[in-house]
Amino acid sequence: MSNERAGWLKDIEVAQTMTTNKMSGVYLCPELKSSTMRIGQDDHAEHPSRRGNTLYYRDGRTEKVTL
């Protein structure tokens, strides 16, 4: 049992030495910068959302849909 415990302690020691060191420098996150603008990317905003039989416009108006 003590050999098994010694193995665990050795593994924990290795993990601690690998994960507790801080990285130096500044990371600017280039992958989180805004993406490229795409033509027509906001075209959806001019159309209302439909929930059930009601159209909801961005300016607050609502219209009932009749079939």
N, C-alpha and C. Protein backbone atom coordinates (compact mmCIF):
# COMPACT_ATOMS: atom_id res chain seq x y z
N MET A 1 0.81 -1.19 0.00
CA MET A 1 0.00 0.00 0.00
C MET A 1 0.86 1.25 0.00
N SER A 2 1.99 1.24 0.69
CA SER A 2 2.82 2.45 0.76
C SER A 2 3.49 2.72 -0.59
N ASN A 3 3.81 1.67 -1.38
CA ASN A 3 4.38 1.89 -2.71
C ASN A 3 3.34 2.57 -3.62
N GLU A 4 2.09 2.16 -3.49
CA GLU A 4 1.02 2.77 -4.29
C GLU A 4 0.85 4.24 -3.90
N ARG A 5 0.89 4.51 -2.60
CA ARG A 5 0.77 5.89 -2.12
C ARG A 5 1.95 6.72 -2.58
N ALA A 6 3.13 6.15 -2.57
CA ALA A 6 4.33 6.88 -3.02
C ALA A 6 4.20 7.21 -4.51
N GLY A 7 3.62 6.30 -5.28
CA GLY A 7 3.41 6.57 -6.70
C GLY A 7 2.43 7.71 -6.92
N TRP A 8 1.36 7.74 -6.12
CA TRP A 8 0.38 8.83 -6.23
C TRP A 8 1.01 10.16 -5.86
N LEU A 9 1.79 10.15 -4.78
CA LEU A 9 2.43 11.39 -4.35
C LEU A 9 3.40 11.90 -5.40
N LYS A 10 4.10 10.99 -6.05
CA LYS A 10 5.04 11.39 -7.10
C LYS A 10 4.28 11.98 -8.29
N ASP A 11 3.14 11.37 -8.66
CA ASP A 11 2.32 11.90 -9.75
C ASP A 11 1.77 13.28 -9.40
N ILE A 12 1.32 13.46 -8.16
CA ILE A 12 0.79 14.76 -7.73
C ILE A 12 1.89 15.81 -7.78
N GLU A 13 3.08 15.44 -7.35
CA GLU A 13 4.20 16.38 -7.34
C GLU A 13 4.53 16.84 -8.77
N VAL A 14 4.52 15.90 -9.72
CA VAL A 14 4.79 16.25 -11.11
C VAL A 14 3.69 17.17 -11.64
N ALA A 15 2.43 16.87 -11.35
CA ALA A 15 1.32 17.69 -11.83
C ALA A 15 1.39 19.09 -11.25
N GLN A 16 1.73 19.21 -9.99
CA GLN A 16 1.81 20.53 -9.36
C GLN A 16 2.93 21.36 -9.97
N THR A 17 4.06 20.75 -10.25
CA THR A 17 5.16 21.52 -10.82
C THR A 17 4.84 21.94 -12.24
N MET A 18 4.01 21.19 -12.95
CA MET A 18 3.69 21.54 -14.32
C MET A 18 2.60 22.61 -14.40
N THR A 19 1.69 22.67 -13.43
CA THR A 19 0.54 23.55 -13.56
C THR A 19 0.62 24.81 -12.72
N THR A 20 1.53 24.91 -11.76
CA THR A 20 1.54 26.09 -10.91
C THR A 20 2.49 27.17 -11.41
N ASN A 21 3.29 26.89 -12.42
CA ASN A 21 4.17 27.93 -12.96
C ASN A 21 3.34 28.89 -13.80
N LYS A 22 3.54 30.19 -13.58
CA LYS A 22 2.80 31.20 -14.32
C LYS A 22 3.51 31.51 -15.62
N MET A 23 2.73 31.80 -16.65
CA MET A 23 3.31 32.17 -17.93
C MET A 23 3.66 33.65 -17.89
N SER A 24 4.73 34.01 -18.54
CA SER A 24 5.12 35.42 -18.56
C SER A 24 4.66 36.06 -19.86
N GLY A 25 4.51 37.37 -19.85
CA GLY A 25 4.10 38.09 -21.04
C GLY A 25 2.61 38.37 -21.05
N VAL A 26 2.17 39.00 -22.13
CA VAL A 26 0.77 39.37 -22.27
C VAL A 26 0.22 38.70 -23.52
N TYR A 27 -0.94 38.05 -23.39
CA TYR A 27 -1.58 37.41 -24.53
C TYR A 27 -2.73 38.30 -24.97
N LEU A 28 -2.75 38.71 -26.22
CA LEU A 28 -3.74 39.66 -26.71
C LEU A 28 -4.98 39.03 -27.32
N CYS A 29 -5.10 37.73 -27.34
CA CYS A 29 -6.27 36.99 -27.84
C CYS A 29 -6.65 37.37 -29.26
N PRO A 30 -5.80 37.14 -30.25
CA PRO A 30 -6.15 37.53 -31.61
C PRO A 30 -7.37 36.77 -32.15
N GLU A 31 -7.67 35.59 -31.61
CA GLU A 31 -8.80 34.82 -32.10
C GLU A 31 -10.14 35.40 -31.64
N LEU A 32 -10.12 36.32 -30.66
CA LEU A 32 -11.35 36.90 -30.15
C LEU A 32 -11.67 38.27 -30.75
N LYS A 33 -10.85 38.74 -31.67
CA LYS A 33 -11.14 40.02 -32.31
C LYS A 33 -12.33 39.87 -33.23
N SER A 34 -12.99 40.98 -33.55
CA SER A 34 -14.20 40.91 -34.37
C SER A 34 -13.89 40.34 -35.74
N SER A 35 -14.85 39.63 -36.26
CA SER A 35 -14.67 38.99 -37.55
C SER A 35 -14.85 39.99 -38.68
N THR A 36 -14.58 39.56 -39.87
CA THR A 36 -14.69 40.39 -41.05
C THR A 36 -16.15 40.74 -41.31
N MET A 37 -16.40 41.95 -41.77
CA MET A 37 -17.76 42.37 -42.11
C MET A 37 -18.19 41.64 -43.38
N ARG A 38 -19.44 41.18 -43.39
CA ARG A 38 -19.96 40.46 -44.54
C ARG A 38 -21.12 41.25 -45.12
N ILE A 39 -21.16 41.37 -46.43
CA ILE A 39 -22.23 42.10 -47.10
C ILE A 39 -23.56 41.42 -46.78
N GLY A 40 -24.52 42.20 -46.35
CA GLY A 40 -25.85 41.67 -46.05
C GLY A 40 -25.97 41.02 -44.69
N GLN A 41 -25.01 41.21 -43.80
CA GLN A 41 -25.05 40.51 -42.52
C GLN A 41 -26.17 40.99 -41.61
N ASP A 42 -26.70 42.19 -41.83
CA ASP A 42 -27.78 42.70 -40.98
C ASP A 42 -29.12 42.78 -41.72
N ASP A 43 -29.24 42.12 -42.83
CA ASP A 43 -30.50 42.16 -43.59
C ASP A 43 -31.67 41.58 -42.81
N HIS A 44 -31.40 40.69 -41.88
CA HIS A 44 -32.47 40.08 -41.09
C HIS A 44 -33.20 41.10 -40.23
N ALA A 45 -32.54 42.21 -39.89
CA ALA A 45 -33.12 43.19 -38.97
C ALA A 45 -34.32 43.92 -39.56
N GLU A 46 -34.45 43.94 -40.87
CA GLU A 46 -35.57 44.65 -41.47
C GLU A 46 -36.84 43.78 -41.54
N HIS A 47 -36.76 42.53 -41.16
CA HIS A 47 -37.91 41.63 -41.18
C HIS A 47 -38.38 41.36 -39.76
N PRO A 48 -39.69 41.19 -39.57
CA PRO A 48 -40.21 40.92 -38.22
C PRO A 48 -39.95 39.48 -37.80
N SER A 49 -40.02 39.26 -36.51
CA SER A 49 -39.96 37.90 -35.96
C SER A 49 -41.38 37.39 -35.85
N ARG A 50 -41.57 36.11 -36.11
CA ARG A 50 -42.92 35.53 -36.00
C ARG A 50 -42.96 34.57 -34.83
N ARG A 51 -43.91 34.82 -33.92
CA ARG A 51 -44.17 33.92 -32.80
C ARG A 51 -45.64 33.58 -32.83
N GLY A 52 -45.91 32.36 -33.19
CA GLY A 52 -47.30 31.94 -33.35
C GLY A 52 -47.91 32.63 -34.55
N ASN A 53 -49.04 33.31 -34.35
CA ASN A 53 -49.69 34.05 -35.43
C ASN A 53 -49.49 35.56 -35.29
N THR A 54 -48.39 35.97 -34.66
CA THR A 54 -48.11 37.38 -34.46
C THR A 54 -46.74 37.72 -35.01
N LEU A 55 -46.65 38.84 -35.73
CA LEU A 55 -45.37 39.35 -36.23
C LEU A 55 -44.90 40.45 -35.28
N TYR A 56 -43.67 40.38 -34.83
CA TYR A 56 -43.08 41.35 -33.91
C TYR A 56 -41.98 42.11 -34.64
N TYR A 57 -42.16 43.44 -34.77
CA TYR A 57 -41.18 44.29 -35.42
C TYR A 57 -40.21 44.85 -34.39
N ARG A 58 -39.03 45.25 -34.84
CA ARG A 58 -38.00 45.77 -33.93
C ARG A 58 -38.40 47.10 -33.31
N ASP A 59 -39.27 47.85 -33.96
CA ASP A 59 -39.68 49.14 -33.40
C ASP A 59 -40.82 49.00 -32.39
N GLY A 60 -41.24 47.77 -32.10
CA GLY A 60 -42.26 47.53 -31.08
C GLY A 60 -43.64 47.22 -31.64
N ARG A 61 -43.85 47.42 -32.93
CA ARG A 61 -45.15 47.12 -33.52
C ARG A 61 -45.40 45.62 -33.53
N THR A 62 -46.67 45.25 -33.50
CA THR A 62 -47.07 43.85 -33.66
C THR A 62 -48.22 43.80 -34.64
N GLU A 63 -48.29 42.73 -35.39
CA GLU A 63 -49.39 42.51 -36.34
C GLU A 63 -49.84 41.07 -36.22
N LYS A 64 -51.13 40.88 -36.23
CA LYS A 64 -51.69 39.53 -36.25
C LYS A 64 -51.65 39.01 -37.68
N VAL A 65 -51.30 37.76 -37.84
CA VAL A 65 -51.27 37.12 -39.15
C VAL A 65 -52.60 36.40 -39.35
N THR A 66 -53.23 36.70 -40.48
CA THR A 66 -54.48 36.01 -40.79
C THR A 66 -54.24 35.07 -41.97
N LEU A 67 -54.81 33.93 -41.89
CA LEU A 67 -54.62 32.93 -42.95
C LEU A 67 -55.75 32.92 -43.92
